[in-house]
Amino acid sequence: MEFTDSQVFAGYVYPSVVLYGHIQGDENEGIKIAINYNTYEVEHVGGPKWLIHQE
């Protein structure tokens, strides 16, 4: 996993940071993770189906 970009939203809009990246060694396999920076809860994970496990 290699993160290449991020987006931080202002707390009054939505307290979230989104990390963008890809599988190390395969830039075509994109990953996106959204984290609430108040609660540290992972709110969304996007990427290849073989990597993402629903819980």
N, C-alpha and C. Protein backbone atom coordinates (compact mmCIF):
# COMPACT_ATOMS: atom_id res chain seq x y z
N MET A 1 0.85 -1.16 0.00
CA MET A 1 0.00 0.00 0.00
C MET A 1 0.90 1.23 0.00
N GLU A 2 0.67 2.10 -0.95
CA GLU A 2 1.41 3.36 -1.00
C GLU A 2 0.40 4.50 -1.19
N PHE A 3 0.38 5.42 -0.23
CA PHE A 3 -0.52 6.57 -0.32
C PHE A 3 0.16 7.66 -1.12
N THR A 4 -0.59 8.24 -2.05
CA THR A 4 -0.03 9.24 -2.96
C THR A 4 -0.69 10.60 -2.85
N ASP A 5 -1.86 10.68 -2.20
CA ASP A 5 -2.57 11.96 -2.09
C ASP A 5 -3.53 11.89 -0.91
N SER A 6 -4.00 13.04 -0.48
CA SER A 6 -4.97 13.10 0.61
C SER A 6 -5.85 14.32 0.43
N GLN A 7 -7.01 14.27 1.07
CA GLN A 7 -7.94 15.39 1.06
C GLN A 7 -8.49 15.52 2.47
N VAL A 8 -8.35 16.71 3.06
CA VAL A 8 -8.85 16.96 4.41
C VAL A 8 -10.01 17.94 4.32
N PHE A 9 -11.14 17.56 4.87
CA PHE A 9 -12.31 18.43 4.88
C PHE A 9 -12.34 19.23 6.17
N ALA A 10 -12.82 20.45 6.11
CA ALA A 10 -12.96 21.28 7.30
C ALA A 10 -14.00 20.66 8.23
N GLY A 11 -13.77 20.76 9.53
CA GLY A 11 -14.66 20.15 10.51
C GLY A 11 -16.10 20.61 10.42
N TYR A 12 -16.32 21.86 10.04
CA TYR A 12 -17.70 22.35 9.93
C TYR A 12 -18.41 21.80 8.69
N VAL A 13 -17.66 21.32 7.72
CA VAL A 13 -18.25 20.69 6.53
C VAL A 13 -18.48 19.21 6.82
N TYR A 14 -17.38 18.51 7.11
CA TYR A 14 -17.44 17.09 7.46
C TYR A 14 -16.09 16.70 8.02
N PRO A 15 -16.02 16.18 9.23
CA PRO A 15 -14.72 15.89 9.86
C PRO A 15 -14.07 14.62 9.29
N SER A 16 -13.54 14.74 8.10
CA SER A 16 -13.03 13.55 7.43
C SER A 16 -11.74 13.85 6.68
N VAL A 17 -10.89 12.84 6.62
CA VAL A 17 -9.70 12.87 5.77
C VAL A 17 -9.78 11.66 4.85
N VAL A 18 -9.48 11.87 3.58
CA VAL A 18 -9.51 10.78 2.61
C VAL A 18 -8.09 10.56 2.11
N LEU A 19 -7.63 9.33 2.19
CA LEU A 19 -6.30 8.96 1.71
C LEU A 19 -6.46 8.21 0.40
N TYR A 20 -5.66 8.59 -0.59
CA TYR A 20 -5.69 7.96 -1.91
C TYR A 20 -4.35 7.30 -2.15
N GLY A 21 -4.37 6.15 -2.79
CA GLY A 21 -3.12 5.48 -3.09
C GLY A 21 -3.35 4.30 -4.01
N HIS A 22 -2.39 3.39 -3.98
CA HIS A 22 -2.48 2.20 -4.83
C HIS A 22 -1.68 1.07 -4.19
N ILE A 23 -1.90 -0.12 -4.71
CA ILE A 23 -1.14 -1.29 -4.27
C ILE A 23 0.29 -1.08 -4.71
N GLN A 24 1.21 -1.26 -3.79
CA GLN A 24 2.62 -1.06 -4.12
C GLN A 24 3.05 -2.01 -5.23
N GLY A 25 3.61 -1.44 -6.28
CA GLY A 25 4.03 -2.24 -7.42
C GLY A 25 2.97 -2.35 -8.52
N ASP A 26 1.75 -1.86 -8.26
CA ASP A 26 0.68 -1.91 -9.26
C ASP A 26 -0.14 -0.63 -9.16
N GLU A 27 0.24 0.39 -9.89
CA GLU A 27 -0.43 1.69 -9.81
C GLU A 27 -1.85 1.67 -10.38
N ASN A 28 -2.24 0.61 -11.06
CA ASN A 28 -3.60 0.50 -11.59
C ASN A 28 -4.60 0.01 -10.55
N GLU A 29 -4.13 -0.50 -9.43
CA GLU A 29 -5.01 -0.99 -8.35
C GLU A 29 -5.16 0.11 -7.30
N GLY A 30 -6.09 1.04 -7.54
CA GLY A 30 -6.29 2.18 -6.66
C GLY A 30 -6.98 1.82 -5.36
N ILE A 31 -6.67 2.59 -4.31
CA ILE A 31 -7.25 2.42 -2.98
C ILE A 31 -7.69 3.78 -2.48
N LYS A 32 -8.83 3.82 -1.76
CA LYS A 32 -9.30 5.05 -1.14
C LYS A 32 -9.82 4.71 0.25
N ILE A 33 -9.38 5.46 1.27
CA ILE A 33 -9.82 5.24 2.64
C ILE A 33 -10.27 6.57 3.23
N ALA A 34 -11.49 6.62 3.76
CA ALA A 34 -12.02 7.81 4.41
C ALA A 34 -12.08 7.55 5.92
N ILE A 35 -11.50 8.46 6.70
CA ILE A 35 -11.43 8.33 8.15
C ILE A 35 -12.00 9.58 8.81
N ASN A 36 -12.88 9.40 9.78
CA ASN A 36 -13.40 10.52 10.57
C ASN A 36 -12.31 10.90 11.57
N TYR A 37 -11.80 12.13 11.48
CA TYR A 37 -10.69 12.50 12.35
C TYR A 37 -11.11 12.92 13.75
N ASN A 38 -12.41 12.94 14.05
CA ASN A 38 -12.86 13.15 15.43
C ASN A 38 -12.95 11.83 16.19
N THR A 39 -13.44 10.80 15.50
CA THR A 39 -13.66 9.50 16.15
C THR A 39 -12.62 8.45 15.75
N TYR A 40 -11.81 8.75 14.73
CA TYR A 40 -10.82 7.82 14.17
C TYR A 40 -11.47 6.58 13.57
N GLU A 41 -12.75 6.67 13.26
CA GLU A 41 -13.48 5.55 12.66
C GLU A 41 -13.27 5.55 11.15
N VAL A 42 -13.00 4.38 10.59
CA VAL A 42 -12.91 4.23 9.14
C VAL A 42 -14.33 4.24 8.62
N GLU A 43 -14.64 5.20 7.75
CA GLU A 43 -16.00 5.35 7.25
C GLU A 43 -16.21 4.73 5.87
N HIS A 44 -15.16 4.63 5.09
CA HIS A 44 -15.28 4.06 3.76
C HIS A 44 -13.93 3.53 3.31
N VAL A 45 -13.97 2.39 2.64
CA VAL A 45 -12.77 1.82 2.02
C VAL A 45 -13.15 1.40 0.61
N GLY A 46 -12.37 1.84 -0.35
CA GLY A 46 -12.61 1.46 -1.73
C GLY A 46 -11.33 0.93 -2.35
N GLY A 47 -11.49 -0.06 -3.19
CA GLY A 47 -10.34 -0.65 -3.86
C GLY A 47 -10.75 -1.93 -4.56
N PRO A 48 -9.78 -2.71 -4.98
CA PRO A 48 -10.09 -3.96 -5.68
C PRO A 48 -10.86 -4.93 -4.78
N LYS A 49 -11.83 -5.61 -5.36
CA LYS A 49 -12.68 -6.52 -4.58
C LYS A 49 -11.88 -7.63 -3.90
N TRP A 50 -10.80 -8.07 -4.51
CA TRP A 50 -10.02 -9.15 -3.92
C TRP A 50 -9.30 -8.70 -2.65
N LEU A 51 -9.19 -7.39 -2.44
CA LEU A 51 -8.48 -6.87 -1.27
C LEU A 51 -9.44 -6.45 -0.16
N ILE A 52 -10.63 -5.98 -0.51
CA ILE A 52 -11.57 -5.42 0.45
C ILE A 52 -12.44 -6.54 1.04
N HIS A 53 -12.47 -6.64 2.35
CA HIS A 53 -13.30 -7.62 3.04
C HIS A 53 -14.37 -6.87 3.84
N GLN A 54 -15.62 -7.15 3.57
CA GLN A 54 -16.72 -6.53 4.30
C GLN A 54 -16.85 -7.15 5.68
N GLU A 55 -16.96 -6.30 6.70
CA GLU A 55 -17.17 -6.82 8.07
C GLU A 55 -18.30 -6.10 8.72
